[in-house]
Amino acid sequence: MESFFNNIPSYYRTAILVGGLVLLWVFEGAFPRLYFKSNRYRHAGTNLFFTLTTAVVNFALAFLIVKACTFTTNNHFGLLYLVPLPNWLHAILAILMMDLIGAYLVHLIQHKIAWMWHFHKIHHIDTAVDATTALRHHPIESIFRVIALFVAVITMGIPIWMVFLYQTISAFMSQFNHANIHLPKWLDNALSWIIVSPDMHKVHHSHLQPETDTNYANIFSIWDRLFGTFKKVNDTTSLKYGLDEYQDERYQQIGALLKAPFDKPLNQ
């Protein structure tokens, strides 16, 4: 696995991520959890645009992650190097820590700090949450996430191949837990004890703030349970997605979403 992810071509990683997204998007089209009034293709197109902006930001800042990985690996710098660990255990702990710092904590912080929330909120403005919603992040928010990953790498001590492995798992899990699919309740509940299941994450996209401010995790649900931010809603089909002040159709368009952090909503 180390050799594979150390040498994985970029088009392999792209194929894995695109393949997972297409599979989930087709599946949720055939067996949707909820039926939305919006046009699926237009909705997907809007969200795919933000995939491109995220890719640009990640590419531009990739040198930070590469340099951090090179430094920690060459100097055995970081908490995970304090004691000798077999590669498999180092990888598991690295993925856990990147998920904690690079996904859960930065996500929580963006909900708590007002100026950061204004960039993150375009992810929550989506009123038809599906697998493509995982891609809807403002370019500035993408910078926050790269910085959070950098902090995880430099403090923990994580080789580049583990970062590639984590990013592949993280991207697919984000698509999976946003997907508009219906799993048997017993299966969704069982999964939510270990990973973030679709019904668990749907609560986070509720228009009600006490629900929006819960279930921040991306891969492992343990973080929400451990830090008291876990919430369960028995019937997620009753949830209304989006933010009350951004229900206008204008806010499902690319231009308005890019400007949303700097605008007042129409109905304020």
Protein backbone atom coordinates (compact mmCIF):
# COMPACT_ATOMS: atom_id res chain seq x y z
CA MET A 1 0.00 0.00 0.00
CA GLU A 2 2.86 2.38 0.83
CA SER A 3 4.43 1.80 -2.58
CA PHE A 4 1.09 2.23 -4.37
CA PHE A 5 0.20 5.56 -2.73
CA ASN A 6 3.78 6.83 -2.89
CA ASN A 7 3.73 6.43 -6.65
CA ILE A 8 0.04 6.78 -7.49
CA PRO A 9 -0.42 8.90 -10.64
CA SER A 10 -2.74 11.89 -10.25
CA TYR A 11 -5.08 10.49 -12.90
CA TYR A 12 -5.53 7.30 -10.80
CA ARG A 13 -6.66 9.35 -7.82
CA THR A 14 -8.93 11.43 -10.05
CA ALA A 15 -10.44 8.30 -11.57
CA ILE A 16 -11.13 6.84 -8.10
CA LEU A 17 -12.83 10.02 -6.90
CA VAL A 18 -14.82 10.65 -10.08
CA GLY A 19 -15.83 6.99 -10.26
CA GLY A 20 -17.14 7.06 -6.70
CA LEU A 21 -19.05 10.29 -7.31
CA VAL A 22 -20.64 9.04 -10.53
CA LEU A 23 -21.62 5.74 -8.90
CA LEU A 24 -23.28 7.48 -5.95
CA TRP A 25 -24.96 10.09 -8.18
CA VAL A 26 -26.46 7.39 -10.42
CA PHE A 27 -27.54 5.32 -7.42
CA GLU A 28 -29.24 8.22 -5.67
CA GLY A 29 -31.00 9.07 -8.93
CA ALA A 30 -32.45 5.56 -9.07
CA PHE A 31 -33.16 5.18 -5.34
CA PRO A 32 -33.40 8.68 -3.82
CA ARG A 33 -33.93 9.29 -0.13
CA LEU A 34 -35.78 12.52 -0.93
CA TYR A 35 -37.24 13.96 -4.13
CA PHE A 36 -36.14 17.53 -4.88
CA LYS A 37 -37.81 20.08 -7.17
CA SER A 38 -34.51 21.39 -8.49
CA ASN A 39 -32.98 20.19 -11.75
CA ARG A 40 -30.40 17.52 -10.85
CA TYR A 41 -28.11 18.33 -13.78
CA ARG A 42 -28.04 22.08 -13.14
CA HIS A 43 -27.54 21.44 -9.43
CA ALA A 44 -24.65 19.06 -10.16
CA GLY A 45 -23.12 21.55 -12.59
CA THR A 46 -23.10 24.29 -9.96
CA ASN A 47 -21.46 22.03 -7.40
CA LEU A 48 -18.95 20.63 -9.89
CA PHE A 49 -17.74 24.18 -10.56
CA PHE A 50 -16.55 24.31 -6.97
CA THR A 51 -14.66 21.08 -7.51
CA LEU A 52 -12.55 22.99 -10.02
CA THR A 53 -11.93 25.89 -7.64
CA THR A 54 -10.97 23.46 -4.87
CA ALA A 55 -8.61 21.65 -7.24
CA VAL A 56 -6.95 24.95 -8.18
CA VAL A 57 -6.47 25.93 -4.53
CA ASN A 58 -5.18 22.47 -3.59
CA PHE A 59 -2.75 22.46 -6.52
CA ALA A 60 -1.50 25.95 -5.70
CA LEU A 61 -0.88 25.08 -2.05
CA ALA A 62 0.24 21.46 -2.51
CA PHE A 63 3.86 22.49 -1.97
CA LEU A 64 3.02 23.26 1.69
CA ILE A 65 1.84 19.70 2.31
CA VAL A 66 4.72 18.17 0.35
CA LYS A 67 7.32 20.20 2.24
CA ALA A 68 5.69 19.40 5.58
CA CYS A 69 5.66 15.67 4.78
CA THR A 70 9.26 15.75 3.57
CA PHE A 71 10.41 17.59 6.70
CA THR A 72 8.61 15.32 9.16
CA THR A 73 9.67 12.14 7.35
CA ASN A 74 13.35 13.09 6.98
CA ASN A 75 13.64 14.35 10.55
CA HIS A 76 11.19 11.94 12.23
CA PHE A 77 9.48 15.04 13.57
CA GLY A 78 5.99 14.86 15.07
CA LEU A 79 4.06 13.12 17.82
CA LEU A 80 3.69 9.87 15.88
CA TYR A 81 7.48 9.56 15.78
CA LEU A 82 7.89 9.75 19.57
CA VAL A 83 7.78 5.95 19.77
CA PRO A 84 8.60 3.42 17.04
CA LEU A 85 5.42 2.36 15.25
CA PRO A 86 4.84 -0.27 12.59
CA ASN A 87 3.76 1.29 9.29
CA TRP A 88 0.20 -0.02 9.54
CA LEU A 89 -0.33 1.51 12.99
CA HIS A 90 1.33 4.78 11.97
CA ALA A 91 -1.05 4.93 8.98
CA ILE A 92 -4.17 4.26 11.08
CA LEU A 93 -3.22 6.88 13.68
CA ALA A 94 -2.26 9.35 10.93
CA ILE A 95 -5.65 8.96 9.23
CA LEU A 96 -7.41 9.40 12.57
CA MET A 97 -5.45 12.58 13.33
CA MET A 98 -5.90 14.05 9.86
CA ASP A 99 -9.61 13.37 10.15
CA LEU A 100 -9.69 15.03 13.59
CA ILE A 101 -7.61 18.12 12.76
CA GLY A 102 -8.05 18.43 9.01
CA ALA A 103 -11.79 17.73 8.91
CA TYR A 104 -13.60 17.76 12.28
CA LEU A 105 -11.81 20.59 14.10
CA VAL A 106 -11.53 22.98 11.15
CA HIS A 107 -15.20 22.32 10.39
CA LEU A 108 -16.21 23.03 14.00
CA ILE A 109 -14.12 26.21 14.05
CA GLN A 110 -15.79 27.50 10.88
CA HIS A 111 -19.17 27.18 12.59
CA LYS A 112 -17.97 29.05 15.68
CA ILE A 113 -15.99 31.95 14.16
CA ALA A 114 -18.31 34.34 12.34
CA TRP A 115 -16.02 35.52 9.54
CA MET A 116 -15.04 31.94 8.71
CA TRP A 117 -18.69 30.85 8.77
CA HIS A 118 -19.49 33.34 5.99
CA PHE A 119 -17.25 31.33 3.64
CA HIS A 120 -18.38 27.93 4.89
CA LYS A 121 -22.08 28.78 4.66
CA ILE A 122 -22.21 28.33 0.87
CA HIS A 123 -21.91 24.60 1.62
CA HIS A 124 -25.01 24.90 3.81
CA ILE A 125 -27.01 27.02 1.38
CA ASP A 126 -27.60 23.91 -0.75
CA THR A 127 -31.29 23.01 -0.47
CA ALA A 128 -30.98 19.72 -2.39
CA VAL A 129 -28.20 17.88 -0.55
CA ASP A 130 -26.72 15.00 -2.53
CA ALA A 131 -23.31 13.50 -3.34
CA THR A 132 -22.27 16.59 -5.32
CA THR A 133 -22.86 18.80 -2.25
CA ALA A 134 -19.62 17.35 -0.89
CA LEU A 135 -17.87 19.42 -3.58
CA ARG A 136 -19.48 22.77 -2.77
CA HIS A 137 -16.85 24.76 -0.87
CA HIS A 138 -15.91 28.38 -1.36
CA PRO A 139 -12.30 28.78 -2.59
CA ILE A 140 -11.38 30.63 0.63
CA GLU A 141 -12.73 27.73 2.68
CA SER A 142 -10.51 25.40 0.66
CA ILE A 143 -7.53 27.41 1.92
CA PHE A 144 -8.69 26.89 5.53
CA ARG A 145 -8.77 23.14 4.94
CA VAL A 146 -5.30 23.00 3.37
CA ILE A 147 -3.91 24.92 6.37
CA ALA A 148 -5.64 22.52 8.78
CA LEU A 149 -4.15 19.53 6.94
CA PHE A 150 -0.73 21.20 7.08
CA VAL A 151 -1.09 21.56 10.86
CA ALA A 152 -2.03 17.89 11.17
CA VAL A 153 0.97 16.76 9.11
CA ILE A 154 3.54 18.94 10.85
CA THR A 155 2.37 18.22 14.41
CA MET A 156 1.74 14.51 14.02
CA GLY A 157 4.52 13.58 11.56
CA ILE A 158 2.87 12.08 8.49
CA PRO A 159 4.52 10.79 5.27
CA ILE A 160 3.10 11.90 1.92
CA TRP A 161 1.72 8.46 1.03
CA MET A 162 -0.48 8.52 4.12
CA VAL A 163 -1.77 11.94 3.10
CA PHE A 164 -2.71 10.57 -0.33
CA LEU A 165 -4.42 7.57 1.30
CA TYR A 166 -6.31 9.83 3.70
CA GLN A 167 -7.42 12.25 0.98
CA THR A 168 -8.77 9.39 -1.13
CA ILE A 169 -10.77 7.96 1.79
CA SER A 170 -11.88 11.41 2.95
CA ALA A 171 -13.16 12.51 -0.47
CA PHE A 172 -15.16 9.31 -0.99
CA MET A 173 -16.58 9.42 2.55
CA SER A 174 -17.70 13.01 2.05
CA GLN A 175 -19.50 12.01 -1.13
CA PHE A 176 -21.02 8.99 0.61
CA ASN A 177 -22.31 10.79 3.69
CA HIS A 178 -23.81 13.60 1.59
CA ALA A 179 -25.44 11.18 -0.86
CA ASN A 180 -29.23 11.31 -1.19
CA ILE A 181 -29.53 7.56 -0.66
CA HIS A 182 -31.70 5.48 1.60
CA LEU A 183 -29.98 2.80 3.65
CA PRO A 184 -31.95 0.41 5.87
CA LYS A 185 -32.31 2.13 9.24
CA TRP A 186 -30.52 -0.65 11.11
CA LEU A 187 -27.56 -0.42 8.72
CA ASP A 188 -27.34 3.38 8.87
CA ASN A 189 -27.50 3.28 12.69
CA ALA A 190 -24.83 0.57 12.86
CA LEU A 191 -22.50 2.43 10.49
CA SER A 192 -22.91 5.66 12.46
CA TRP A 193 -21.14 4.08 15.44
CA ILE A 194 -17.94 3.89 13.39
CA ILE A 195 -18.17 6.13 10.34
CA VAL A 196 -20.36 9.07 9.34
CA SER A 197 -23.47 7.59 7.73
CA PRO A 198 -25.77 9.45 5.30
CA ASP A 199 -28.58 9.95 7.83
CA MET A 200 -26.11 11.11 10.48
CA HIS A 201 -24.69 13.83 8.25
CA LYS A 202 -28.07 14.93 6.88
CA VAL A 203 -28.82 16.33 10.35
CA HIS A 204 -25.88 18.70 9.93
CA HIS A 205 -27.55 20.22 6.84
CA SER A 206 -30.81 21.00 8.64
CA HIS A 207 -31.99 24.62 8.46
CA LEU A 208 -32.35 24.60 12.26
CA GLN A 209 -29.16 25.91 13.90
CA PRO A 210 -29.22 23.51 16.90
CA GLU A 211 -29.04 20.70 14.33
CA THR A 212 -26.66 22.48 11.94
CA ASP A 213 -24.19 22.83 14.83
CA THR A 214 -23.85 19.06 15.27
CA ASN A 215 -22.36 16.06 13.43
CA TYR A 216 -19.25 17.80 12.10
CA ALA A 217 -17.20 14.66 11.42
CA ASN A 218 -16.32 13.40 7.96
CA ILE A 219 -14.89 9.89 8.23
CA PHE A 220 -15.07 8.74 11.85
CA SER A 221 -18.16 9.50 13.93
CA ILE A 222 -16.16 9.02 17.14
CA TRP A 223 -15.20 12.70 17.17
CA ASP A 224 -18.80 13.91 17.46
CA ARG A 225 -19.55 11.33 20.15
CA LEU A 226 -16.33 12.12 22.03
CA PHE A 227 -16.74 15.91 21.98
CA GLY A 228 -20.50 16.00 22.56
CA THR A 229 -21.53 17.26 19.13
CA PHE A 230 -23.40 14.13 18.03
CA LYS A 231 -27.14 14.37 17.36
CA LYS A 232 -29.53 11.75 16.08
CA VAL A 233 -32.79 12.50 14.26
CA ASN A 234 -35.00 9.46 13.80
CA ASP A 235 -36.75 10.66 10.65
CA THR A 236 -34.36 12.55 8.39
CA THR A 237 -37.00 12.80 5.65
CA SER A 238 -38.61 15.54 7.75
CA LEU A 239 -35.50 17.74 7.60
CA LYS A 240 -35.51 20.96 5.61
CA TYR A 241 -32.12 21.71 4.08
CA GLY A 242 -30.40 25.04 3.58
CA LEU A 243 -30.34 28.29 5.55
CA ASP A 244 -33.57 30.21 6.14
CA GLU A 245 -32.14 33.54 4.96
CA TYR A 246 -30.76 32.03 1.74
CA GLN A 247 -33.77 30.19 0.33
CA ASP A 248 -34.03 32.44 -2.72
CA GLU A 249 -33.32 30.56 -5.98
CA ARG A 250 -30.58 33.09 -6.75
CA TYR A 251 -28.39 31.44 -4.14
CA GLN A 252 -28.18 28.22 -6.11
CA GLN A 253 -26.19 30.00 -8.83
CA ILE A 254 -22.40 30.11 -9.03
CA GLY A 255 -22.00 33.89 -9.07
CA ALA A 256 -24.25 34.47 -6.07
CA LEU A 257 -22.56 31.68 -4.12
CA LEU A 258 -19.10 33.14 -4.73
CA LYS A 259 -20.32 36.54 -3.52
CA ALA A 260 -22.49 35.21 -0.66
CA PRO A 261 -19.79 35.67 2.02
CA PHE A 262 -19.75 39.40 1.25
CA ASP A 263 -23.49 39.99 0.61
CA LYS A 264 -26.49 40.39 2.79
CA PRO A 265 -29.21 37.86 1.89
CA LEU A 266 -32.12 39.23 -0.13
CA ASN A 267 -34.75 38.79 2.57
CA GLN A 268 -32.88 40.54 5.37
